[in-house]
Amino acid sequence: MAQNRINTMLLFLCLLITFEVAQSGLIFNLDNGELCLQSAQCKSNCCHRESTLGLARCAPTAAETQKCSPLHLYGVYYYCPCESGLKCEVDRSIIGTITNTDFGYCKDPNEA
């Protein structure tokens, strides 16, 4: 009985610490240049990796005419998605989506 109470208190303490760390910005709300595992952790919503073996870091979204990746489920990009209001013009393919090689360029969708 006492062991169960101790285990419950330790679990509660671990959850409390995890919540506090997340709220303090050590896991989410990361600035550009900080290490990340998923784009959801970054203020810019782009966790960028330059190579397959490189570490991923938060990076700014792509501006008009810059190389970009369309949004996908992996959460780590070789090229960041476009900034708000721009569209990543890319020829999507199944192979490109699986291998994360479907890159394009940011364009204003309102321009001809």
PDB file of N, CA and C in Angstrom:
ATOM      1  N   MET A   1       0.824  -1.193   0.000  1.00  0.00           N
ATOM      2  CA  MET A   1       0.000   0.000   0.000  1.00  0.00           C
ATOM      3  C   MET A   1       0.868   1.256   0.000  1.00  0.00           C
ATOM      4  N   ALA A   2       1.865   1.295   0.860  1.00  0.00           N
ATOM      5  CA  ALA A   2       2.758   2.457   0.921  1.00  0.00           C
ATOM      6  C   ALA A   2       3.573   2.579  -0.356  1.00  0.00           C
ATOM      7  N   GLN A   3       3.967   1.430  -0.927  1.00  0.00           N
ATOM      8  CA  GLN A   3       4.745   1.452  -2.176  1.00  0.00           C
ATOM      9  C   GLN A   3       3.917   2.035  -3.317  1.00  0.00           C
ATOM     10  N   ASN A   4       2.627   1.705  -3.385  1.00  0.00           N
ATOM     11  CA  ASN A   4       1.746   2.256  -4.420  1.00  0.00           C
ATOM     12  C   ASN A   4       1.619   3.770  -4.289  1.00  0.00           C
ATOM     13  N   ARG A   5       1.523   4.233  -3.053  1.00  0.00           N
ATOM     14  CA  ARG A   5       1.404   5.670  -2.813  1.00  0.00           C
ATOM     15  C   ARG A   5       2.685   6.393  -3.254  1.00  0.00           C
ATOM     16  N   ILE A   6       3.839   5.803  -2.964  1.00  0.00           N
ATOM     17  CA  ILE A   6       5.125   6.391  -3.377  1.00  0.00           C
ATOM     18  C   ILE A   6       5.233   6.411  -4.888  1.00  0.00           C
ATOM     19  N   ASN A   7       4.851   5.307  -5.554  1.00  0.00           N
ATOM     20  CA  ASN A   7       4.885   5.251  -7.019  1.00  0.00           C
ATOM     21  C   ASN A   7       3.973   6.298  -7.640  1.00  0.00           C
ATOM     22  N   THR A   8       2.800   6.474  -7.076  1.00  0.00           N
ATOM     23  CA  THR A   8       1.856   7.476  -7.578  1.00  0.00           C
ATOM     24  C   THR A   8       2.429   8.879  -7.424  1.00  0.00           C
ATOM     25  N   MET A   9       3.044   9.148  -6.285  1.00  0.00           N
ATOM     26  CA  MET A   9       3.640  10.465  -6.055  1.00  0.00           C
ATOM     27  C   MET A   9       4.816  10.713  -7.012  1.00  0.00           C
ATOM     28  N   LEU A  10       5.635   9.693  -7.265  1.00  0.00           N
ATOM     29  CA  LEU A  10       6.760   9.840  -8.198  1.00  0.00           C
ATOM     30  C   LEU A  10       6.265  10.089  -9.615  1.00  0.00           C
ATOM     31  N   LEU A  11       5.220   9.372 -10.024  1.00  0.00           N
ATOM     32  CA  LEU A  11       4.638   9.580 -11.343  1.00  0.00           C
ATOM     33  C   LEU A  11       4.093  10.996 -11.469  1.00  0.00           C
ATOM     34  N   PHE A  12       3.388  11.459 -10.457  1.00  0.00           N
ATOM     35  CA  PHE A  12       2.850  12.819 -10.464  1.00  0.00           C
ATOM     36  C   PHE A  12       3.979  13.844 -10.546  1.00  0.00           C
ATOM     37  N   LEU A  13       5.044  13.629  -9.802  1.00  0.00           N
ATOM     38  CA  LEU A  13       6.187  14.535  -9.817  1.00  0.00           C
ATOM     39  C   LEU A  13       6.844  14.574 -11.188  1.00  0.00           C
ATOM     40  N   CYS A  14       7.000  13.410 -11.825  1.00  0.00           N
ATOM     41  CA  CYS A  14       7.585  13.349 -13.171  1.00  0.00           C
ATOM     42  C   CYS A  14       6.718  14.090 -14.190  1.00  0.00           C
ATOM     43  N   LEU A  15       5.409  13.897 -14.087  1.00  0.00           N
ATOM     44  CA  LEU A  15       4.495  14.597 -14.992  1.00  0.00           C
ATOM     45  C   LEU A  15       4.548  16.100 -14.779  1.00  0.00           C
ATOM     46  N   LEU A  16       4.630  16.522 -13.547  1.00  0.00           N
ATOM     47  CA  LEU A  16       4.716  17.943 -13.229  1.00  0.00           C
ATOM     48  C   LEU A  16       6.001  18.554 -13.792  1.00  0.00           C
ATOM     49  N   ILE A  17       7.111  17.861 -13.635  1.00  0.00           N
ATOM     50  CA  ILE A  17       8.389  18.353 -14.165  1.00  0.00           C
ATOM     51  C   ILE A  17       8.345  18.422 -15.685  1.00  0.00           C
ATOM     52  N   THR A  18       7.784  17.389 -16.330  1.00  0.00           N
ATOM     53  CA  THR A  18       7.664  17.382 -17.788  1.00  0.00           C
ATOM     54  C   THR A  18       6.832  18.560 -18.268  1.00  0.00           C
ATOM     55  N   PHE A  19       5.723  18.831 -17.601  1.00  0.00           N
ATOM     56  CA  PHE A  19       4.866  19.949 -17.970  1.00  0.00           C
ATOM     57  C   PHE A  19       5.599  21.272 -17.801  1.00  0.00           C
ATOM     58  N   GLU A  20       6.319  21.434 -16.722  1.00  0.00           N
ATOM     59  CA  GLU A  20       7.053  22.677 -16.470  1.00  0.00           C
ATOM     60  C   GLU A  20       8.152  22.896 -17.504  1.00  0.00           C
ATOM     61  N   VAL A  21       8.856  21.832 -17.871  1.00  0.00           N
ATOM     62  CA  VAL A  21       9.916  21.944 -18.884  1.00  0.00           C
ATOM     63  C   VAL A  21       9.306  22.355 -20.219  1.00  0.00           C
ATOM     64  N   ALA A  22       8.177  21.747 -20.589  1.00  0.00           N
ATOM     65  CA  ALA A  22       7.520  22.090 -21.848  1.00  0.00           C
ATOM     66  C   ALA A  22       7.056  23.538 -21.845  1.00  0.00           C
ATOM     67  N   GLN A  23       6.514  24.001 -20.741  1.00  0.00           N
ATOM     68  CA  GLN A  23       6.023  25.370 -20.651  1.00  0.00           C
ATOM     69  C   GLN A  23       7.153  26.399 -20.654  1.00  0.00           C
ATOM     70  N   SER A  24       8.325  26.010 -20.187  1.00  0.00           N
ATOM     71  CA  SER A  24       9.433  26.967 -20.099  1.00  0.00           C
ATOM     72  C   SER A  24      10.120  27.190 -21.434  1.00  0.00           C
ATOM     73  N   GLY A  25       9.741  26.438 -22.475  1.00  0.00           N
ATOM     74  CA  GLY A  25      10.322  26.653 -23.788  1.00  0.00           C
ATOM     75  C   GLY A  25      11.524  25.784 -24.081  1.00  0.00           C
ATOM     76  N   LEU A  26      11.830  24.826 -23.223  1.00  0.00           N
ATOM     77  CA  LEU A  26      12.951  23.938 -23.487  1.00  0.00           C
ATOM     78  C   LEU A  26      12.606  22.878 -24.520  1.00  0.00           C
ATOM     79  N   ILE A  27      11.326  22.590 -24.688  1.00  0.00           N
ATOM     80  CA  ILE A  27      10.901  21.571 -25.644  1.00  0.00           C
ATOM     81  C   ILE A  27      10.128  22.208 -26.795  1.00  0.00           C
ATOM     82  N   PHE A  28       9.303  23.201 -26.521  1.00  0.00           N
ATOM     83  CA  PHE A  28       8.501  23.875 -27.542  1.00  0.00           C
ATOM     84  C   PHE A  28       8.855  25.358 -27.560  1.00  0.00           C
ATOM     85  N   ASN A  29       8.387  26.036 -28.601  1.00  0.00           N
ATOM     86  CA  ASN A  29       8.611  27.477 -28.736  1.00  0.00           C
ATOM     87  C   ASN A  29      10.101  27.798 -28.910  1.00  0.00           C
ATOM     88  N   LEU A  30      10.802  26.944 -29.666  1.00  0.00           N
ATOM     89  CA  LEU A  30      12.238  27.107 -29.862  1.00  0.00           C
ATOM     90  C   LEU A  30      12.533  28.181 -30.900  1.00  0.00           C
ATOM     91  N   ASP A  31      13.616  28.910 -30.696  1.00  0.00           N
ATOM     92  CA  ASP A  31      14.057  29.946 -31.632  1.00  0.00           C
ATOM     93  C   ASP A  31      14.868  29.328 -32.763  1.00  0.00           C
ATOM     94  N   ASN A  32      15.031  30.086 -33.845  1.00  0.00           N
ATOM     95  CA  ASN A  32      15.845  29.627 -34.968  1.00  0.00           C
ATOM     96  C   ASN A  32      17.260  29.321 -34.493  1.00  0.00           C
ATOM     97  N   GLY A  33      17.799  28.195 -34.969  1.00  0.00           N
ATOM     98  CA  GLY A  33      19.142  27.773 -34.601  1.00  0.00           C
ATOM     99  C   GLY A  33      19.182  26.748 -33.479  1.00  0.00           C
ATOM    100  N   GLU A  34      18.079  26.600 -32.746  1.00  0.00           N
ATOM    101  CA  GLU A  34      18.060  25.631 -31.657  1.00  0.00           C
ATOM    102  C   GLU A  34      17.748  24.234 -32.198  1.00  0.00           C
ATOM    103  N   LEU A  35      18.325  23.206 -31.566  1.00  0.00           N
ATOM    104  CA  LEU A  35      18.107  21.820 -31.975  1.00  0.00           C
ATOM    105  C   LEU A  35      16.650  21.432 -31.795  1.00  0.00           C
ATOM    106  N   CYS A  36      16.128  20.632 -32.738  1.00  0.00           N
ATOM    107  CA  CYS A  36      14.733  20.206 -32.682  1.00  0.00           C
ATOM    108  C   CYS A  36      14.591  18.789 -33.221  1.00  0.00           C
ATOM    109  N   LEU A  37      13.455  18.182 -32.925  1.00  0.00           N
ATOM    110  CA  LEU A  37      13.115  16.860 -33.446  1.00  0.00           C
ATOM    111  C   LEU A  37      11.902  16.910 -34.365  1.00  0.00           C
ATOM    112  N   GLN A  38      11.051  17.911 -34.188  1.00  0.00           N
ATOM    113  CA  GLN A  38       9.828  18.080 -34.963  1.00  0.00           C
ATOM    114  C   GLN A  38       9.588  19.565 -35.201  1.00  0.00           C
ATOM    115  N   SER A  39       8.950  19.891 -36.315  1.00  0.00           N
ATOM    116  CA  SER A  39       8.668  21.290 -36.632  1.00  0.00           C
ATOM    117  C   SER A  39       7.729  21.940 -35.630  1.00  0.00           C
ATOM    118  N   ALA A  40       6.882  21.155 -34.989  1.00  0.00           N
ATOM    119  CA  ALA A  40       5.947  21.700 -34.000  1.00  0.00           C
ATOM    120  C   ALA A  40       6.674  22.323 -32.812  1.00  0.00           C
ATOM    121  N   GLN A  41       7.936  21.978 -32.604  1.00  0.00           N
ATOM    122  CA  GLN A  41       8.701  22.540 -31.501  1.00  0.00           C
ATOM    123  C   GLN A  41       9.175  23.962 -31.789  1.00  0.00           C
ATOM    124  N   CYS A  42       9.257  24.339 -33.057  1.00  0.00           N
ATOM    125  CA  CYS A  42       9.860  25.606 -33.465  1.00  0.00           C
ATOM    126  C   CYS A  42       8.824  26.719 -33.585  1.00  0.00           C
ATOM    127  N   LYS A  43       9.230  27.936 -33.203  1.00  0.00           N
ATOM    128  CA  LYS A  43       8.364  29.100 -33.380  1.00  0.00           C
ATOM    129  C   LYS A  43       8.013  29.280 -34.854  1.00  0.00           C
ATOM    130  N   SER A  44       8.974  28.987 -35.739  1.00  0.00           N
ATOM    131  CA  SER A  44       8.773  29.154 -37.179  1.00  0.00           C
ATOM    132  C   SER A  44       8.024  27.985 -37.808  1.00  0.00           C
ATOM    133  N   ASN A  45       7.804  26.922 -37.056  1.00  0.00           N
ATOM    134  CA  ASN A  45       7.198  25.684 -37.566  1.00  0.00           C
ATOM    135  C   ASN A  45       8.031  25.027 -38.650  1.00  0.00           C
ATOM    136  N   CYS A  46       9.355  25.185 -38.562  1.00  0.00           N
ATOM    137  CA  CYS A  46      10.244  24.511 -39.499  1.00  0.00           C
ATOM    138  C   CYS A  46      11.463  23.965 -38.770  1.00  0.00           C
ATOM    139  N   CYS A  47      11.519  22.651 -38.670  1.00  0.00           N
ATOM    140  CA  CYS A  47      12.694  21.956 -38.147  1.00  0.00           C
ATOM    141  C   CYS A  47      13.472  21.500 -39.382  1.00  0.00           C
ATOM    142  N   HIS A  48      14.640  22.091 -39.611  1.00  0.00           N
ATOM    143  CA  HIS A  48      15.397  21.959 -40.859  1.00  0.00           C
ATOM    144  C   HIS A  48      16.659  21.125 -40.655  1.00  0.00           C
ATOM    145  N   ARG A  49      16.888  20.187 -41.582  1.00  0.00           N
ATOM    146  CA  ARG A  49      18.092  19.366 -41.575  1.00  0.00           C
ATOM    147  C   ARG A  49      18.785  19.531 -42.927  1.00  0.00           C
ATOM    148  N   GLU A  50      20.076  19.857 -42.919  1.00  0.00           N
ATOM    149  CA  GLU A  50      20.798  20.078 -44.172  1.00  0.00           C
ATOM    150  C   GLU A  50      21.212  18.787 -44.861  1.00  0.00           C
ATOM    151  N   SER A  51      21.426  17.724 -44.090  1.00  0.00           N
ATOM    152  CA  SER A  51      21.804  16.441 -44.680  1.00  0.00           C
ATOM    153  C   SER A  51      21.161  15.319 -43.880  1.00  0.00           C
ATOM    154  N   THR A  52      21.226  14.119 -44.416  1.00  0.00           N
ATOM    155  CA  THR A  52      20.613  12.971 -43.761  1.00  0.00           C
ATOM    156  C   THR A  52      21.213  12.717 -42.386  1.00  0.00           C
ATOM    157  N   LEU A  53      22.504  12.924 -42.239  1.00  0.00           N
ATOM    158  CA  LEU A  53      23.179  12.660 -40.978  1.00  0.00           C
ATOM    159  C   LEU A  53      23.314  13.884 -40.083  1.00  0.00           C
ATOM    160  N   GLY A  54      22.939  15.063 -40.580  1.00  0.00           N
ATOM    161  CA  GLY A  54      23.081  16.291 -39.805  1.00  0.00           C
ATOM    162  C   GLY A  54      22.018  16.439 -38.735  1.00  0.00           C
ATOM    163  N   LEU A  55      22.307  17.279 -37.762  1.00  0.00           N
ATOM    164  CA  LEU A  55      21.337  17.589 -36.714  1.00  0.00           C
ATOM    165  C   LEU A  55      20.314  18.583 -37.240  1.00  0.00           C
ATOM    166  N   ALA A  56      19.091  18.428 -36.828  1.00  0.00           N
ATOM    167  CA  ALA A  56      18.029  19.342 -37.248  1.00  0.00           C
ATOM    168  C   ALA A  56      17.956  20.524 -36.295  1.00  0.00           C
ATOM    169  N   ARG A  57      17.750  21.702 -36.878  1.00  0.00           N
ATOM    170  CA  ARG A  57      17.638  22.938 -36.099  1.00  0.00           C
ATOM    171  C   ARG A  57      16.456  23.742 -36.617  1.00  0.00           C
ATOM    172  N   CYS A  58      15.874  24.535 -35.741  1.00  0.00           N
ATOM    173  CA  CYS A  58      14.782  25.419 -36.153  1.00  0.00           C
ATOM    174  C   CYS A  58      15.328  26.442 -37.145  1.00  0.00           C
ATOM    175  N   ALA A  59      14.546  26.735 -38.175  1.00  0.00           N
ATOM    176  CA  ALA A  59      14.972  27.663 -39.220  1.00  0.00           C
ATOM    177  C   ALA A  59      13.776  28.499 -39.670  1.00  0.00           C
ATOM    178  N   PRO A  60      14.048  29.661 -40.267  1.00  0.00           N
ATOM    179  CA  PRO A  60      12.933  30.498 -40.748  1.00  0.00           C
ATOM    180  C   PRO A  60      12.266  29.866 -41.965  1.00  0.00           C
ATOM    181  N   THR A  61      11.004  30.203 -42.163  1.00  0.00           N
ATOM    182  CA  THR A  61      10.293  29.713 -43.336  1.00  0.00           C
ATOM    183  C   THR A  61      10.869  30.362 -44.589  1.00  0.00           C
ATOM    184  N   ALA A  62      10.637  29.722 -45.737  1.00  0.00           N
ATOM    185  CA  ALA A  62      11.196  30.180 -47.007  1.00  0.00           C
ATOM    186  C   ALA A  62      10.435  31.396 -47.542  1.00  0.00           C
ATOM    187  N   ALA A  63      11.181  32.345 -48.087  1.00  0.00           N
ATOM    188  CA  ALA A  63      10.601  33.555 -48.680  1.00  0.00           C
ATOM    189  C   ALA A  63      10.310  33.307 -50.165  1.00  0.00           C
ATOM    190  N   GLU A  64       9.677  34.275 -50.804  1.00  0.00           N
ATOM    191  CA  GLU A  64       9.336  34.155 -52.222  1.00  0.00           C
ATOM    192  C   GLU A  64      10.592  33.896 -53.051  1.00  0.00           C
ATOM    193  N   THR A  65      10.484  32.984 -53.993  1.00  0.00           N
ATOM    194  CA  THR A  65      11.517  32.508 -54.926  1.00  0.00           C
ATOM    195  C   THR A  65      12.563  31.598 -54.269  1.00  0.00           C
ATOM    196  N   GLN A  66      12.476  31.353 -52.963  1.00  0.00           N
ATOM    197  CA  GLN A  66      13.400  30.425 -52.317  1.00  0.00           C
ATOM    198  C   GLN A  66      12.912  28.991 -52.472  1.00  0.00           C
ATOM    199  N   LYS A  67      13.861  28.051 -52.408  1.00  0.00           N
ATOM    200  CA  LYS A  67      13.537  26.634 -52.487  1.00  0.00           C
ATOM    201  C   LYS A  67      12.735  26.237 -51.251  1.00  0.00           C
ATOM    202  N   CYS A  68      11.748  25.343 -51.436  1.00  0.00           N
ATOM    203  CA  CYS A  68      10.857  24.977 -50.335  1.00  0.00           C
ATOM    204  C   CYS A  68      10.442  23.512 -50.432  1.00  0.00           C
ATOM    205  N   SER A  69       9.898  23.019 -49.347  1.00  0.00           N
ATOM    206  CA  SER A  69       9.254  21.709 -49.301  1.00  0.00           C
ATOM    207  C   SER A  69       7.787  21.933 -48.984  1.00  0.00           C
ATOM    208  N   PRO A  70       6.902  21.156 -49.601  1.00  0.00           N
ATOM    209  CA  PRO A  70       5.498  21.255 -49.204  1.00  0.00           C
ATOM    210  C   PRO A  70       5.335  20.674 -47.804  1.00  0.00           C
ATOM    211  N   LEU A  71       4.257  21.025 -47.140  1.00  0.00           N
ATOM    212  CA  LEU A  71       3.995  20.482 -45.805  1.00  0.00           C
ATOM    213  C   LEU A  71       3.852  18.966 -45.894  1.00  0.00           C
ATOM    214  N   HIS A  72       4.437  18.264 -44.939  1.00  0.00           N
ATOM    215  CA  HIS A  72       4.303  16.814 -44.887  1.00  0.00           C
ATOM    216  C   HIS A  72       4.275  16.340 -43.446  1.00  0.00           C
ATOM    217  N   LEU A  73       4.103  15.056 -43.246  1.00  0.00           N
ATOM    218  CA  LEU A  73       3.914  14.490 -41.914  1.00  0.00           C
ATOM    219  C   LEU A  73       5.207  14.226 -41.154  1.00  0.00           C
ATOM    220  N   TYR A  74       6.352  14.199 -41.827  1.00  0.00           N
ATOM    221  CA  TYR A  74       7.604  13.832 -41.158  1.00  0.00           C
ATOM    222  C   TYR A  74       7.992  14.812 -40.057  1.00  0.00           C
ATOM    223  N   GLY A  75       7.764  16.091 -40.276  1.00  0.00           N
ATOM    224  CA  GLY A  75       8.072  17.066 -39.246  1.00  0.00           C
ATOM    225  C   GLY A  75       9.479  17.636 -39.305  1.00  0.00           C
ATOM    226  N   VAL A  76      10.333  17.099 -40.192  1.00  0.00           N
ATOM    227  CA  VAL A  76      11.689  17.629 -40.385  1.00  0.00           C
ATOM    228  C   VAL A  76      11.873  17.832 -41.889  1.00  0.00           C
ATOM    229  N   TYR A  77      12.383  18.990 -42.263  1.00  0.00           N
ATOM    230  CA  TYR A  77      12.484  19.358 -43.673  1.00  0.00           C
ATOM    231  C   TYR A  77      13.934  19.555 -44.114  1.00  0.00           C
ATOM    232  N   TYR A  78      14.195  19.284 -45.395  1.00  0.00           N
ATOM    233  CA  TYR A  78      15.476  19.664 -46.006  1.00  0.00           C
ATOM    234  C   TYR A  78      15.389  21.107 -46.498  1.00  0.00           C
ATOM    235  N   TYR A  79      14.191  21.540 -46.859  1.00  0.00           N
ATOM    236  CA  TYR A  79      13.909  22.940 -47.188  1.00  0.00           C
ATOM    237  C   TYR A  79      12.632  23.312 -46.451  1.00  0.00           C
ATOM    238  N   CYS A  80      12.619  24.466 -45.819  1.00  0.00           N
ATOM    239  CA  CYS A  80      11.457  24.870 -45.023  1.00  0.00           C
ATOM    240  C   CYS A  80      10.260  25.181 -45.907  1.00  0.00           C
ATOM    241  N   PRO A  81       9.052  25.019 -45.374  1.00  0.00           N
ATOM    242  CA  PRO A  81       7.855  25.437 -46.100  1.00  0.00           C
ATOM    243  C   PRO A  81       7.853  26.959 -46.275  1.00  0.00           C
ATOM    244  N   CYS A  82       7.008  27.431 -47.159  1.00  0.00           N
ATOM    245  CA  CYS A  82       6.937  28.865 -47.462  1.00  0.00           C
ATOM    246  C   CYS A  82       6.326  29.648 -46.301  1.00  0.00           C
ATOM    247  N   GLU A  83       6.716  30.927 -46.236  1.00  0.00           N
ATOM    248  CA  GLU A  83       6.110  31.801 -45.236  1.00  0.00           C
ATOM    249  C   GLU A  83       4.651  32.037 -45.592  1.00  0.00           C
ATOM    250  N   SER A  84       3.916  32.543 -44.646  1.00  0.00           N
ATOM    251  CA  SER A  84       2.480  32.738 -44.784  1.00  0.00           C
ATOM    252  C   SER A  84       2.132  33.552 -46.023  1.00  0.00           C
ATOM    253  N   GLY A  85       1.123  33.084 -46.754  1.00  0.00           N
ATOM    254  CA  GLY A  85       0.657  33.781 -47.953  1.00  0.00           C
ATOM    255  C   GLY A  85       1.301  33.285 -49.232  1.00  0.00           C
ATOM    256  N   LEU A  86       2.378  32.493 -49.132  1.00  0.00           N
ATOM    257  CA  LEU A  86       3.043  31.950 -50.309  1.00  0.00           C
ATOM    258  C   LEU A  86       2.712  30.470 -50.456  1.00  0.00           C
ATOM    259  N   LYS A  87       2.882  29.967 -51.672  1.00  0.00           N
ATOM    260  CA  LYS A  87       2.595  28.563 -51.954  1.00  0.00           C
ATOM    261  C   LYS A  87       3.847  27.906 -52.521  1.00  0.00           C
ATOM    262  N   CYS A  88       4.137  26.702 -52.084  1.00  0.00           N
ATOM    263  CA  CYS A  88       5.282  25.955 -52.594  1.00  0.00           C
ATOM    264  C   CYS A  88       4.853  25.240 -53.871  1.00  0.00           C
ATOM    265  N   GLU A  89       5.316  25.753 -55.011  1.00  0.00           N
ATOM    266  CA  GLU A  89       4.998  25.167 -56.304  1.00  0.00           C
ATOM    267  C   GLU A  89       5.941  23.999 -56.547  1.00  0.00           C
ATOM    268  N   VAL A  90       5.385  22.786 -56.536  1.00  0.00           N
ATOM    269  CA  VAL A  90       6.203  21.584 -56.668  1.00  0.00           C
ATOM    270  C   VAL A  90       5.402  20.506 -57.387  1.00  0.00           C
ATOM    271  N   ASP A  91       6.107  19.696 -58.163  1.00  0.00           N
ATOM    272  CA  ASP A  91       5.485  18.525 -58.773  1.00  0.00           C
ATOM    273  C   ASP A  91       5.559  17.397 -57.759  1.00  0.00           C
ATOM    274  N   ARG A  92       4.435  17.062 -57.162  1.00  0.00           N
ATOM    275  CA  ARG A  92       4.412  16.024 -56.128  1.00  0.00           C
ATOM    276  C   ARG A  92       4.391  14.652 -56.779  1.00  0.00           C
ATOM    277  N   SER A  93       5.135  13.759 -56.181  1.00  0.00           N
ATOM    278  CA  SER A  93       5.118  12.366 -56.600  1.00  0.00           C
ATOM    279  C   SER A  93       5.112  11.493 -55.356  1.00  0.00           C
ATOM    280  N   ILE A  94       4.681  10.269 -55.502  1.00  0.00           N
ATOM    281  CA  ILE A  94       4.653   9.358 -54.357  1.00  0.00           C
ATOM    282  C   ILE A  94       6.075   9.100 -53.863  1.00  0.00           C
ATOM    283  N   ILE A  95       6.989   8.860 -54.774  1.00  0.00           N
ATOM    284  CA  ILE A  95       8.387   8.596 -54.400  1.00  0.00           C
ATOM    285  C   ILE A  95       8.985   9.831 -53.720  1.00  0.00           C
ATOM    286  N   GLY A  96       8.738  11.002 -54.268  1.00  0.00           N
ATOM    287  CA  GLY A  96       9.256  12.232 -53.680  1.00  0.00           C
ATOM    288  C   GLY A  96       8.715  12.482 -52.287  1.00  0.00           C
ATOM    289  N   THR A  97       7.440  12.145 -52.087  1.00  0.00           N
ATOM    290  CA  THR A  97       6.830  12.317 -50.773  1.00  0.00           C
ATOM    291  C   THR A  97       7.437  11.345 -49.763  1.00  0.00           C
ATOM    292  N   ILE A  98       7.639  10.101 -50.166  1.00  0.00           N
ATOM    293  CA  ILE A  98       8.200   9.087 -49.266  1.00  0.00           C
ATOM    294  C   ILE A  98       9.646   9.410 -48.914  1.00  0.00           C
ATOM    295  N   THR A  99      10.434   9.836 -49.903  1.00  0.00           N
ATOM    296  CA  THR A  99      11.862  10.087 -49.684  1.00  0.00           C
ATOM    297  C   THR A  99      12.162  11.528 -49.291  1.00  0.00           C
ATOM    298  N   ASN A 100      11.133  12.360 -49.180  1.00  0.00           N
ATOM    299  CA  ASN A 100      11.294  13.763 -48.794  1.00  0.00           C
ATOM    300  C   ASN A 100      12.193  14.505 -49.783  1.00  0.00           C
ATOM    301  N   THR A 101      11.979  14.256 -51.079  1.00  0.00           N
ATOM    302  CA  THR A 101      12.762  14.929 -52.120  1.00  0.00           C
ATOM    303  C   THR A 101      11.880  15.723 -53.079  1.00  0.00           C
ATOM    304  N   ASP A 102      10.658  15.994 -52.696  1.00  0.00           N
ATOM    305  CA  ASP A 102       9.764  16.780 -53.563  1.00  0.00           C
ATOM    306  C   ASP A 102       9.888  18.259 -53.208  1.00  0.00           C
ATOM    307  N   PHE A 103      10.891  18.918 -53.801  1.00  0.00           N
ATOM    308  CA  PHE A 103      11.172  20.320 -53.523  1.00  0.00           C
ATOM    309  C   PHE A 103      10.599  21.204 -54.622  1.00  0.00           C
ATOM    310  N   GLY A 104      10.374  22.463 -54.291  1.00  0.00           N
ATOM    311  CA  GLY A 104       9.876  23.434 -55.254  1.00  0.00           C
ATOM    312  C   GLY A 104      10.362  24.818 -54.874  1.00  0.00           C
ATOM    313  N   TYR A 105       9.630  25.842 -55.345  1.00  0.00           N
ATOM    314  CA  TYR A 105       9.982  27.230 -55.049  1.00  0.00           C
ATOM    315  C   TYR A 105       8.749  27.969 -54.567  1.00  0.00           C
ATOM    316  N   CYS A 106       8.931  28.869 -53.605  1.00  0.00           N
ATOM    317  CA  CYS A 106       7.838  29.655 -53.052  1.00  0.00           C
ATOM    318  C   CYS A 106       7.386  30.700 -54.071  1.00  0.00           C
ATOM    319  N   LYS A 107       6.065  30.748 -54.280  1.00  0.00           N
ATOM    320  CA  LYS A 107       5.500  31.721 -55.209  1.00  0.00           C
ATOM    321  C   LYS A 107       4.260  32.333 -54.593  1.00  0.00           C
ATOM    322  N   ASP A 108       3.985  33.564 -54.992  1.00  0.00           N
ATOM    323  CA  ASP A 108       2.749  34.229 -54.575  1.00  0.00           C
ATOM    324  C   ASP A 108       1.614  33.665 -55.420  1.00  0.00           C
ATOM    325  N   PRO A 109       0.608  33.031 -54.808  1.00  0.00           N
ATOM    326  CA  PRO A 109      -0.468  32.430 -55.591  1.00  0.00           C
ATOM    327  C   PRO A 109      -1.338  33.456 -56.306  1.00  0.00           C
ATOM    328  N   ASN A 110      -1.222  34.731 -55.960  1.00  0.00           N
ATOM    329  CA  ASN A 110      -2.038  35.776 -56.593  1.00  0.00           C
ATOM    330  C   ASN A 110      -1.388  36.328 -57.863  1.00  0.00           C
ATOM    331  N   GLU A 111      -0.124  36.011 -58.108  1.00  0.00           N
ATOM    332  CA  GLU A 111       0.555  36.488 -59.320  1.00  0.00           C
ATOM    333  C   GLU A 111       0.296  35.508 -60.460  1.00  0.00           C
ATOM    334  N   ALA A 112       0.243  36.030 -61.669  1.00  0.00           N
ATOM    335  CA  ALA A 112      -0.024  35.196 -62.849  1.00  0.00           C
ATOM    336  C   ALA A 112       1.143  34.348 -63.225  1.00  0.00           C
TER     337      ALA A 112
END
